[in-house]
Each structure stands twice: as C-alpha cells, then as structure tokens.
Amino acid sequence: MKINWKVRFKNPNFIAQLVLAIFVPVLAYMGITAQDLTTWNAVGEVLFEAVSNPYVLVLVVVSVYNSITDPTVKGLSDSKQALNYSKPKDDKKYL
C-alpha cells in the first residue's frame, strides 16, 4: 500500500477528515456531543473509554480506513500520478 502521506498531510481537508474519522464514531457510540467535552479531564476519560472498548476501536479503524482509501483507483494505493505530487493538486485551473 503506497500512499503519498507528505502530500495528504499538507491538505487541511484530509487532516479534518482524519480527525473526524477518529472522533465522530467515539462520540456517537458514547452518546455525547463535542459540547460535553469542556475539560481536558473529560476528553481524557472519553479517550480512555474508547481505547478500552474493542467495538469502538473497530468503528474508528473502519472510519479511518474509509477516509484514507481513494475510491477513484483500484486497490489501496494512491495512483502513480498522485505518488509523484509534492503538494496537493489544484484543479481550479481545470474547472
């Protein structure tokens, strides 16, 4: 599985998608909202509960997998073209 991680982490959309892929399943399973996490202690408790629950871990892994894979290419790797990028491609000039 070859993925151009440097370029992906230069894209703020990918970072947001990855953060949401981790936190949304945890919050949904535990029935809480982001507004419930008003202290670092509360965040720590939620993360500890999530890590100690195998079902939540599976939900997070599936969610992260879905955010990492590119459905426009066959398999799990980035396309040969995407592997050669040094920064995220700007398609505005093509639209």
PDB file of N, CA and C in Angstrom:
ATOM      1  N   MET A   1       0.855  -1.175   0.000  1.00  0.00           N
ATOM      2  CA  MET A   1       0.000   0.000   0.000  1.00  0.00           C
ATOM      3  C   MET A   1       0.897   1.232   0.000  1.00  0.00           C
ATOM      4  N   LYS A   2       0.959   1.912  -1.134  1.00  0.00           N
ATOM      5  CA  LYS A   2       1.761   3.125  -1.261  1.00  0.00           C
ATOM      6  C   LYS A   2       0.837   4.337  -1.243  1.00  0.00           C
ATOM      7  N   ILE A   3       1.065   5.188  -0.255  1.00  0.00           N
ATOM      8  CA  ILE A   3       0.267   6.407  -0.117  1.00  0.00           C
ATOM      9  C   ILE A   3       1.217   7.573   0.065  1.00  0.00           C
ATOM     10  N   ASN A   4       0.944   8.657  -0.619  1.00  0.00           N
ATOM     11  CA  ASN A   4       1.763   9.856  -0.530  1.00  0.00           C
ATOM     12  C   ASN A   4       1.347  10.654   0.719  1.00  0.00           C
ATOM     13  N   TRP A   5       1.853  10.209   1.879  1.00  0.00           N
ATOM     14  CA  TRP A   5       1.454  10.800   3.156  1.00  0.00           C
ATOM     15  C   TRP A   5       1.859  12.260   3.272  1.00  0.00           C
ATOM     16  N   LYS A   6       3.043  12.625   2.737  1.00  0.00           N
ATOM     17  CA  LYS A   6       3.501  14.023   2.826  1.00  0.00           C
ATOM     18  C   LYS A   6       2.487  14.969   2.203  1.00  0.00           C
ATOM     19  N   VAL A   7       2.004  14.620   1.044  1.00  0.00           N
ATOM     20  CA  VAL A   7       1.049  15.478   0.343  1.00  0.00           C
ATOM     21  C   VAL A   7      -0.301  15.455   1.045  1.00  0.00           C
ATOM     22  N   ARG A   8      -0.718  14.306   1.494  1.00  0.00           N
ATOM     23  CA  ARG A   8      -2.016  14.231   2.180  1.00  0.00           C
ATOM     24  C   ARG A   8      -2.037  15.111   3.426  1.00  0.00           C
ATOM     25  N   PHE A   9      -0.943  15.105   4.200  1.00  0.00           N
ATOM     26  CA  PHE A   9      -0.928  15.912   5.419  1.00  0.00           C
ATOM     27  C   PHE A   9      -0.719  17.399   5.142  1.00  0.00           C
ATOM     28  N   LYS A  10      -0.419  17.768   3.905  1.00  0.00           N
ATOM     29  CA  LYS A  10      -0.380  19.182   3.521  1.00  0.00           C
ATOM     30  C   LYS A  10      -1.771  19.698   3.166  1.00  0.00           C
ATOM     31  N   ASN A  11      -2.732  18.789   3.059  1.00  0.00           N
ATOM     32  CA  ASN A  11      -4.095  19.150   2.686  1.00  0.00           C
ATOM     33  C   ASN A  11      -4.957  19.247   3.943  1.00  0.00           C
ATOM     34  N   PRO A  12      -5.428  20.451   4.307  1.00  0.00           N
ATOM     35  CA  PRO A  12      -6.232  20.593   5.521  1.00  0.00           C
ATOM     36  C   PRO A  12      -7.533  19.782   5.489  1.00  0.00           C
ATOM     37  N   ASN A  13      -8.071  19.537   4.307  1.00  0.00           N
ATOM     38  CA  ASN A  13      -9.282  18.717   4.207  1.00  0.00           C
ATOM     39  C   ASN A  13      -9.021  17.285   4.674  1.00  0.00           C
ATOM     40  N   PHE A  14      -7.869  16.744   4.322  1.00  0.00           N
ATOM     41  CA  PHE A  14      -7.527  15.392   4.740  1.00  0.00           C
ATOM     42  C   PHE A  14      -7.356  15.329   6.252  1.00  0.00           C
ATOM     43  N   ILE A  15      -6.695  16.323   6.826  1.00  0.00           N
ATOM     44  CA  ILE A  15      -6.483  16.350   8.277  1.00  0.00           C
ATOM     45  C   ILE A  15      -7.830  16.411   8.998  1.00  0.00           C
ATOM     46  N   ALA A  16      -8.723  17.274   8.540  1.00  0.00           N
ATOM     47  CA  ALA A  16     -10.047  17.381   9.155  1.00  0.00           C
ATOM     48  C   ALA A  16     -10.810  16.069   9.013  1.00  0.00           C
ATOM     49  N   GLN A  17     -10.730  15.455   7.858  1.00  0.00           N
ATOM     50  CA  GLN A  17     -11.424  14.182   7.617  1.00  0.00           C
ATOM     51  C   GLN A  17     -10.884  13.098   8.549  1.00  0.00           C
ATOM     52  N   LEU A  18      -9.586  13.076   8.759  1.00  0.00           N
ATOM     53  CA  LEU A  18      -8.982  12.081   9.621  1.00  0.00           C
ATOM     54  C   LEU A  18      -9.374  12.301  11.089  1.00  0.00           C
ATOM     55  N   VAL A  19      -9.372  13.552  11.526  1.00  0.00           N
ATOM     56  CA  VAL A  19      -9.782  13.864  12.898  1.00  0.00           C
ATOM     57  C   VAL A  19     -11.240  13.466  13.116  1.00  0.00           C
ATOM     58  N   LEU A  20     -12.086  13.807  12.169  1.00  0.00           N
ATOM     59  CA  LEU A  20     -13.495  13.437  12.284  1.00  0.00           C
ATOM     60  C   LEU A  20     -13.687  11.919  12.239  1.00  0.00           C
ATOM     61  N   ALA A  21     -12.885  11.236  11.446  1.00  0.00           N
ATOM     62  CA  ALA A  21     -12.983   9.780  11.355  1.00  0.00           C
ATOM     63  C   ALA A  21     -12.650   9.119  12.682  1.00  0.00           C
ATOM     64  N   ILE A  22     -11.849   9.771  13.498  1.00  0.00           N
ATOM     65  CA  ILE A  22     -11.492   9.224  14.804  1.00  0.00           C
ATOM     66  C   ILE A  22     -12.525   9.600  15.860  1.00  0.00           C
ATOM     67  N   PHE A  23     -12.919  10.874  15.892  1.00  0.00           N
ATOM     68  CA  PHE A  23     -13.751  11.343  16.991  1.00  0.00           C
ATOM     69  C   PHE A  23     -15.252  11.106  16.822  1.00  0.00           C
ATOM     70  N   VAL A  24     -15.769  11.160  15.624  1.00  0.00           N
ATOM     71  CA  VAL A  24     -17.212  11.009  15.435  1.00  0.00           C
ATOM     72  C   VAL A  24     -17.712   9.625  15.875  1.00  0.00           C
ATOM     73  N   PRO A  25     -17.057   8.528  15.501  1.00  0.00           N
ATOM     74  CA  PRO A  25     -17.552   7.233  15.991  1.00  0.00           C
ATOM     75  C   PRO A  25     -17.503   7.122  17.521  1.00  0.00           C
ATOM     76  N   VAL A  26     -16.455   7.692  18.128  1.00  0.00           N
ATOM     77  CA  VAL A  26     -16.331   7.648  19.592  1.00  0.00           C
ATOM     78  C   VAL A  26     -17.478   8.422  20.237  1.00  0.00           C
ATOM     79  N   LEU A  27     -17.694   9.641  19.768  1.00  0.00           N
ATOM     80  CA  LEU A  27     -18.758  10.473  20.338  1.00  0.00           C
ATOM     81  C   LEU A  27     -20.136   9.859  20.101  1.00  0.00           C
ATOM     82  N   ALA A  28     -20.346   9.315  18.919  1.00  0.00           N
ATOM     83  CA  ALA A  28     -21.653   8.724  18.601  1.00  0.00           C
ATOM     84  C   ALA A  28     -21.919   7.490  19.461  1.00  0.00           C
ATOM     85  N   TYR A  29     -20.921   6.630  19.605  1.00  0.00           N
ATOM     86  CA  TYR A  29     -21.108   5.420  20.400  1.00  0.00           C
ATOM     87  C   TYR A  29     -21.411   5.766  21.858  1.00  0.00           C
ATOM     88  N   MET A  30     -20.726   6.759  22.380  1.00  0.00           N
ATOM     89  CA  MET A  30     -20.897   7.118  23.787  1.00  0.00           C
ATOM     90  C   MET A  30     -22.078   8.055  24.019  1.00  0.00           C
ATOM     91  N   GLY A  31     -22.697   8.498  22.940  1.00  0.00           N
ATOM     92  CA  GLY A  31     -23.890   9.324  23.064  1.00  0.00           C
ATOM     93  C   GLY A  31     -23.622  10.719  23.608  1.00  0.00           C
ATOM     94  N   ILE A  32     -22.453  11.250  23.310  1.00  0.00           N
ATOM     95  CA  ILE A  32     -22.136  12.599  23.773  1.00  0.00           C
ATOM     96  C   ILE A  32     -21.860  13.492  22.582  1.00  0.00           C
ATOM     97  N   THR A  33     -21.869  14.778  22.822  1.00  0.00           N
ATOM     98  CA  THR A  33     -21.562  15.746  21.774  1.00  0.00           C
ATOM     99  C   THR A  33     -20.256  16.442  22.118  1.00  0.00           C
ATOM    100  N   ALA A  34     -19.738  17.165  21.175  1.00  0.00           N
ATOM    101  CA  ALA A  34     -18.492  17.901  21.409  1.00  0.00           C
ATOM    102  C   ALA A  34     -18.662  18.920  22.533  1.00  0.00           C
ATOM    103  N   GLN A  35     -19.863  19.432  22.725  1.00  0.00           N
ATOM    104  CA  GLN A  35     -20.113  20.407  23.789  1.00  0.00           C
ATOM    105  C   GLN A  35     -19.967  19.784  25.177  1.00  0.00           C
ATOM    106  N   ASP A  36     -20.057  18.470  25.277  1.00  0.00           N
ATOM    107  CA  ASP A  36     -19.882  17.794  26.559  1.00  0.00           C
ATOM    108  C   ASP A  36     -18.409  17.727  26.979  1.00  0.00           C
ATOM    109  N   LEU A  37     -17.510  17.964  26.049  1.00  0.00           N
ATOM    110  CA  LEU A  37     -16.075  17.861  26.328  1.00  0.00           C
ATOM    111  C   LEU A  37     -15.505  19.250  26.635  1.00  0.00           C
ATOM    112  N   THR A  38     -15.804  19.742  27.812  1.00  0.00           N
ATOM    113  CA  THR A  38     -15.405  21.111  28.167  1.00  0.00           C
ATOM    114  C   THR A  38     -14.116  21.172  28.968  1.00  0.00           C
ATOM    115  N   THR A  39     -13.592  20.025  29.382  1.00  0.00           N
ATOM    116  CA  THR A  39     -12.323  19.998  30.114  1.00  0.00           C
ATOM    117  C   THR A  39     -11.425  18.922  29.526  1.00  0.00           C
ATOM    118  N   TRP A  40     -10.122  19.073  29.755  1.00  0.00           N
ATOM    119  CA  TRP A  40      -9.181  18.066  29.273  1.00  0.00           C
ATOM    120  C   TRP A  40      -9.387  16.743  30.000  1.00  0.00           C
ATOM    121  N   ASN A  41      -9.832  16.820  31.250  1.00  0.00           N
ATOM    122  CA  ASN A  41     -10.112  15.610  32.008  1.00  0.00           C
ATOM    123  C   ASN A  41     -11.246  14.820  31.342  1.00  0.00           C
ATOM    124  N   ALA A  42     -12.284  15.518  30.886  1.00  0.00           N
ATOM    125  CA  ALA A  42     -13.405  14.855  30.208  1.00  0.00           C
ATOM    126  C   ALA A  42     -12.951  14.222  28.901  1.00  0.00           C
ATOM    127  N   VAL A  43     -12.092  14.923  28.170  1.00  0.00           N
ATOM    128  CA  VAL A  43     -11.563  14.376  26.910  1.00  0.00           C
ATOM    129  C   VAL A  43     -10.748  13.118  27.198  1.00  0.00           C
ATOM    130  N   GLY A  44      -9.916  13.178  28.219  1.00  0.00           N
ATOM    131  CA  GLY A  44      -9.098  12.023  28.589  1.00  0.00           C
ATOM    132  C   GLY A  44      -9.941  10.817  28.978  1.00  0.00           C
ATOM    133  N   GLU A  45     -11.015  11.060  29.731  1.00  0.00           N
ATOM    134  CA  GLU A  45     -11.896   9.959  30.121  1.00  0.00           C
ATOM    135  C   GLU A  45     -12.562   9.312  28.908  1.00  0.00           C
ATOM    136  N   VAL A  46     -13.008  10.140  27.978  1.00  0.00           N
ATOM    137  CA  VAL A  46     -13.660   9.616  26.773  1.00  0.00           C
ATOM    138  C   VAL A  46     -12.656   8.809  25.949  1.00  0.00           C
ATOM    139  N   LEU A  47     -11.446   9.329  25.782  1.00  0.00           N
ATOM    140  CA  LEU A  47     -10.430   8.598  25.016  1.00  0.00           C
ATOM    141  C   LEU A  47     -10.059   7.288  25.700  1.00  0.00           C
ATOM    142  N   PHE A  48      -9.942   7.300  27.022  1.00  0.00           N
ATOM    143  CA  PHE A  48      -9.625   6.068  27.747  1.00  0.00           C
ATOM    144  C   PHE A  48     -10.728   5.028  27.571  1.00  0.00           C
ATOM    145  N   GLU A  49     -11.962   5.460  27.675  1.00  0.00           N
ATOM    146  CA  GLU A  49     -13.097   4.546  27.475  1.00  0.00           C
ATOM    147  C   GLU A  49     -13.107   3.992  26.054  1.00  0.00           C
ATOM    148  N   ALA A  50     -12.789   4.842  25.080  1.00  0.00           N
ATOM    149  CA  ALA A  50     -12.791   4.409  23.679  1.00  0.00           C
ATOM    150  C   ALA A  50     -11.696   3.374  23.423  1.00  0.00           C
ATOM    151  N   VAL A  51     -10.506   3.612  23.968  1.00  0.00           N
ATOM    152  CA  VAL A  51      -9.391   2.696  23.742  1.00  0.00           C
ATOM    153  C   VAL A  51      -9.627   1.362  24.437  1.00  0.00           C
ATOM    154  N   SER A  52     -10.346   1.362  25.530  1.00  0.00           N
ATOM    155  CA  SER A  52     -10.585   0.120  26.259  1.00  0.00           C
ATOM    156  C   SER A  52     -11.812  -0.642  25.742  1.00  0.00           C
ATOM    157  N   ASN A  53     -12.469  -0.131  24.708  1.00  0.00           N
ATOM    158  CA  ASN A  53     -13.653  -0.783  24.160  1.00  0.00           C
ATOM    159  C   ASN A  53     -13.341  -1.301  22.751  1.00  0.00           C
ATOM    160  N   PRO A  54     -13.251  -2.614  22.559  1.00  0.00           N
ATOM    161  CA  PRO A  54     -12.896  -3.159  21.241  1.00  0.00           C
ATOM    162  C   PRO A  54     -13.874  -2.757  20.131  1.00  0.00           C
ATOM    163  N   TYR A  55     -15.148  -2.664  20.446  1.00  0.00           N
ATOM    164  CA  TYR A  55     -16.132  -2.294  19.424  1.00  0.00           C
ATOM    165  C   TYR A  55     -15.887  -0.880  18.919  1.00  0.00           C
ATOM    166  N   VAL A  56     -15.604   0.040  19.825  1.00  0.00           N
ATOM    167  CA  VAL A  56     -15.327   1.421  19.422  1.00  0.00           C
ATOM    168  C   VAL A  56     -14.044   1.476  18.600  1.00  0.00           C
ATOM    169  N   LEU A  57     -13.044   0.715  18.992  1.00  0.00           N
ATOM    170  CA  LEU A  57     -11.792   0.689  18.224  1.00  0.00           C
ATOM    171  C   LEU A  57     -12.028   0.201  16.797  1.00  0.00           C
ATOM    172  N   VAL A  58     -12.874  -0.822  16.636  1.00  0.00           N
ATOM    173  CA  VAL A  58     -13.194  -1.316  15.291  1.00  0.00           C
ATOM    174  C   VAL A  58     -13.913  -0.235  14.493  1.00  0.00           C
ATOM    175  N   LEU A  59     -14.845   0.464  15.127  1.00  0.00           N
ATOM    176  CA  LEU A  59     -15.542   1.554  14.442  1.00  0.00           C
ATOM    177  C   LEU A  59     -14.561   2.629  13.969  1.00  0.00           C
ATOM    178  N   VAL A  60     -13.616   2.981  14.816  1.00  0.00           N
ATOM    179  CA  VAL A  60     -12.631   4.005  14.462  1.00  0.00           C
ATOM    180  C   VAL A  60     -11.736   3.516  13.322  1.00  0.00           C
ATOM    181  N   VAL A  61     -11.279   2.267  13.404  1.00  0.00           N
ATOM    182  CA  VAL A  61     -10.412   1.717  12.351  1.00  0.00           C
ATOM    183  C   VAL A  61     -11.134   1.718  11.006  1.00  0.00           C
ATOM    184  N   VAL A  62     -12.384   1.302  10.980  1.00  0.00           N
ATOM    185  CA  VAL A  62     -13.156   1.291   9.734  1.00  0.00           C
ATOM    186  C   VAL A  62     -13.338   2.718   9.210  1.00  0.00           C
ATOM    187  N   SER A  63     -13.619   3.645  10.096  1.00  0.00           N
ATOM    188  CA  SER A  63     -13.808   5.035   9.700  1.00  0.00           C
ATOM    189  C   SER A  63     -12.520   5.641   9.137  1.00  0.00           C
ATOM    190  N   VAL A  64     -11.394   5.369   9.783  1.00  0.00           N
ATOM    191  CA  VAL A  64     -10.098   5.871   9.292  1.00  0.00           C
ATOM    192  C   VAL A  64      -9.764   5.219   7.951  1.00  0.00           C
ATOM    193  N   TYR A  65      -9.999   3.925   7.826  1.00  0.00           N
ATOM    194  CA  TYR A  65      -9.765   3.226   6.557  1.00  0.00           C
ATOM    195  C   TYR A  65     -10.554   3.883   5.430  1.00  0.00           C
ATOM    196  N   ASN A  66     -11.813   4.194   5.695  1.00  0.00           N
ATOM    197  CA  ASN A  66     -12.654   4.823   4.675  1.00  0.00           C
ATOM    198  C   ASN A  66     -12.162   6.219   4.307  1.00  0.00           C
ATOM    199  N   SER A  67     -11.545   6.921   5.232  1.00  0.00           N
ATOM    200  CA  SER A  67     -11.068   8.265   4.916  1.00  0.00           C
ATOM    201  C   SER A  67      -9.710   8.238   4.213  1.00  0.00           C
ATOM    202  N   ILE A  68      -8.979   7.152   4.334  1.00  0.00           N
ATOM    203  CA  ILE A  68      -7.646   7.066   3.726  1.00  0.00           C
ATOM    204  C   ILE A  68      -7.696   6.529   2.302  1.00  0.00           C
ATOM    205  N   THR A  69      -8.541   5.539   2.052  1.00  0.00           N
ATOM    206  CA  THR A  69      -8.557   4.940   0.723  1.00  0.00           C
ATOM    207  C   THR A  69      -9.119   5.909  -0.315  1.00  0.00           C
ATOM    208  N   ASP A  70      -8.617   5.799  -1.520  1.00  0.00           N
ATOM    209  CA  ASP A  70      -9.073   6.633  -2.636  1.00  0.00           C
ATOM    210  C   ASP A  70      -9.974   5.783  -3.524  1.00  0.00           C
ATOM    211  N   PRO A  71     -11.261   6.078  -3.554  1.00  0.00           N
ATOM    212  CA  PRO A  71     -12.170   5.240  -4.335  1.00  0.00           C
ATOM    213  C   PRO A  71     -12.034   5.401  -5.847  1.00  0.00           C
ATOM    214  N   THR A  72     -11.209   6.329  -6.291  1.00  0.00           N
ATOM    215  CA  THR A  72     -11.067   6.538  -7.731  1.00  0.00           C
ATOM    216  C   THR A  72      -9.988   5.658  -8.350  1.00  0.00           C
ATOM    217  N   VAL A  73      -9.269   4.894  -7.516  1.00  0.00           N
ATOM    218  CA  VAL A  73      -8.243   3.991  -8.044  1.00  0.00           C
ATOM    219  C   VAL A  73      -8.511   2.583  -7.547  1.00  0.00           C
ATOM    220  N   LYS A  74      -8.030   1.606  -8.304  1.00  0.00           N
ATOM    221  CA  LYS A  74      -8.189   0.208  -7.926  1.00  0.00           C
ATOM    222  C   LYS A  74      -7.165  -0.127  -6.845  1.00  0.00           C
ATOM    223  N   GLY A  75      -7.585  -0.821  -5.830  1.00  0.00           N
ATOM    224  CA  GLY A  75      -6.678  -1.211  -4.760  1.00  0.00           C
ATOM    225  C   GLY A  75      -6.621  -0.168  -3.654  1.00  0.00           C
ATOM    226  N   LEU A  76      -5.605  -0.282  -2.810  1.00  0.00           N
ATOM    227  CA  LEU A  76      -5.491   0.582  -1.640  1.00  0.00           C
ATOM    228  C   LEU A  76      -4.475   1.702  -1.807  1.00  0.00           C
ATOM    229  N   SER A  77      -3.655   1.648  -2.828  1.00  0.00           N
ATOM    230  CA  SER A  77      -2.600   2.634  -3.011  1.00  0.00           C
ATOM    231  C   SER A  77      -3.097   3.863  -3.751  1.00  0.00           C
ATOM    232  N   ASP A  78      -2.326   4.940  -3.639  1.00  0.00           N
ATOM    233  CA  ASP A  78      -2.581   6.118  -4.462  1.00  0.00           C
ATOM    234  C   ASP A  78      -2.202   5.806  -5.902  1.00  0.00           C
ATOM    235  N   SER A  79      -2.719   6.591  -6.831  1.00  0.00           N
ATOM    236  CA  SER A  79      -2.361   6.407  -8.236  1.00  0.00           C
ATOM    237  C   SER A  79      -0.890   6.779  -8.439  1.00  0.00           C
ATOM    238  N   LYS A  80      -0.313   6.309  -9.538  1.00  0.00           N
ATOM    239  CA  LYS A  80       1.084   6.656  -9.844  1.00  0.00           C
ATOM    240  C   LYS A  80       1.241   8.162  -9.957  1.00  0.00           C
ATOM    241  N   GLN A  81       0.240   8.818 -10.518  1.00  0.00           N
ATOM    242  CA  GLN A  81       0.279  10.269 -10.659  1.00  0.00           C
ATOM    243  C   GLN A  81       0.300  10.939  -9.279  1.00  0.00           C
ATOM    244  N   ALA A  82      -0.564  10.493  -8.378  1.00  0.00           N
ATOM    245  CA  ALA A  82      -0.640  11.087  -7.036  1.00  0.00           C
ATOM    246  C   ALA A  82       0.622  10.822  -6.224  1.00  0.00           C
ATOM    247  N   LEU A  83       1.274   9.702  -6.457  1.00  0.00           N
ATOM    248  CA  LEU A  83       2.507   9.400  -5.742  1.00  0.00           C
ATOM    249  C   LEU A  83       3.639  10.355  -6.125  1.00  0.00           C
ATOM    250  N   ASN A  84       3.525  10.988  -7.290  1.00  0.00           N
ATOM    251  CA  ASN A  84       4.562  11.918  -7.746  1.00  0.00           C
ATOM    252  C   ASN A  84       4.308  13.364  -7.328  1.00  0.00           C
ATOM    253  N   TYR A  85       3.183  13.652  -6.713  1.00  0.00           N
ATOM    254  CA  TYR A  85       2.877  15.018  -6.282  1.00  0.00           C
ATOM    255  C   TYR A  85       3.809  15.439  -5.145  1.00  0.00           C
ATOM    256  N   SER A  86       4.137  16.726  -5.108  1.00  0.00           N
ATOM    257  CA  SER A  86       4.899  17.272  -3.983  1.00  0.00           C
ATOM    258  C   SER A  86       4.007  18.169  -3.131  1.00  0.00           C
ATOM    259  N   LYS A  87       2.830  18.501  -3.659  1.00  0.00           N
ATOM    260  CA  LYS A  87       1.825  19.264  -2.921  1.00  0.00           C
ATOM    261  C   LYS A  87       0.463  18.864  -3.479  1.00  0.00           C
ATOM    262  N   PRO A  88      -0.611  19.124  -2.732  1.00  0.00           N
ATOM    263  CA  PRO A  88      -1.939  18.762  -3.253  1.00  0.00           C
ATOM    264  C   PRO A  88      -2.221  19.438  -4.590  1.00  0.00           C
ATOM    265  N   LYS A  89      -2.832  18.708  -5.495  1.00  0.00           N
ATOM    266  CA  LYS A  89      -3.125  19.228  -6.823  1.00  0.00           C
ATOM    267  C   LYS A  89      -4.240  20.258  -6.755  1.00  0.00           C
ATOM    268  N   ASP A  90      -4.054  21.372  -7.449  1.00  0.00           N
ATOM    269  CA  ASP A  90      -5.059  22.431  -7.507  1.00  0.00           C
ATOM    270  C   ASP A  90      -5.790  22.318  -8.837  1.00  0.00           C
ATOM    271  N   ASP A  91      -7.036  21.872  -8.790  1.00  0.00           N
ATOM    272  CA  ASP A  91      -7.818  21.660 -10.012  1.00  0.00           C
ATOM    273  C   ASP A  91      -8.579  22.905 -10.446  1.00  0.00           C
ATOM    274  N   LYS A  92      -8.434  24.010  -9.760  1.00  0.00           N
ATOM    275  CA  LYS A  92      -9.206  25.209 -10.102  1.00  0.00           C
ATOM    276  C   LYS A  92      -8.978  25.654 -11.542  1.00  0.00           C
ATOM    277  N   LYS A  93      -7.755  25.489 -12.026  1.00  0.00           N
ATOM    278  CA  LYS A  93      -7.481  25.935 -13.394  1.00  0.00           C
ATOM    279  C   LYS A  93      -8.141  25.032 -14.434  1.00  0.00           C
ATOM    280  N   TYR A  94      -8.574  23.840 -14.031  1.00  0.00           N
ATOM    281  CA  TYR A  94      -9.218  22.917 -14.960  1.00  0.00           C
ATOM    282  C   TYR A  94     -10.735  23.000 -14.936  1.00  0.00           C
ATOM    283  N   LEU A  95     -11.278  23.697 -13.942  1.00  0.00           N
ATOM    284  CA  LEU A  95     -12.741  23.773 -13.813  1.00  0.00           C
ATOM    285  C   LEU A  95     -13.318  24.943 -14.541  1.00  0.00           C
TER     286      LEU A  95
END
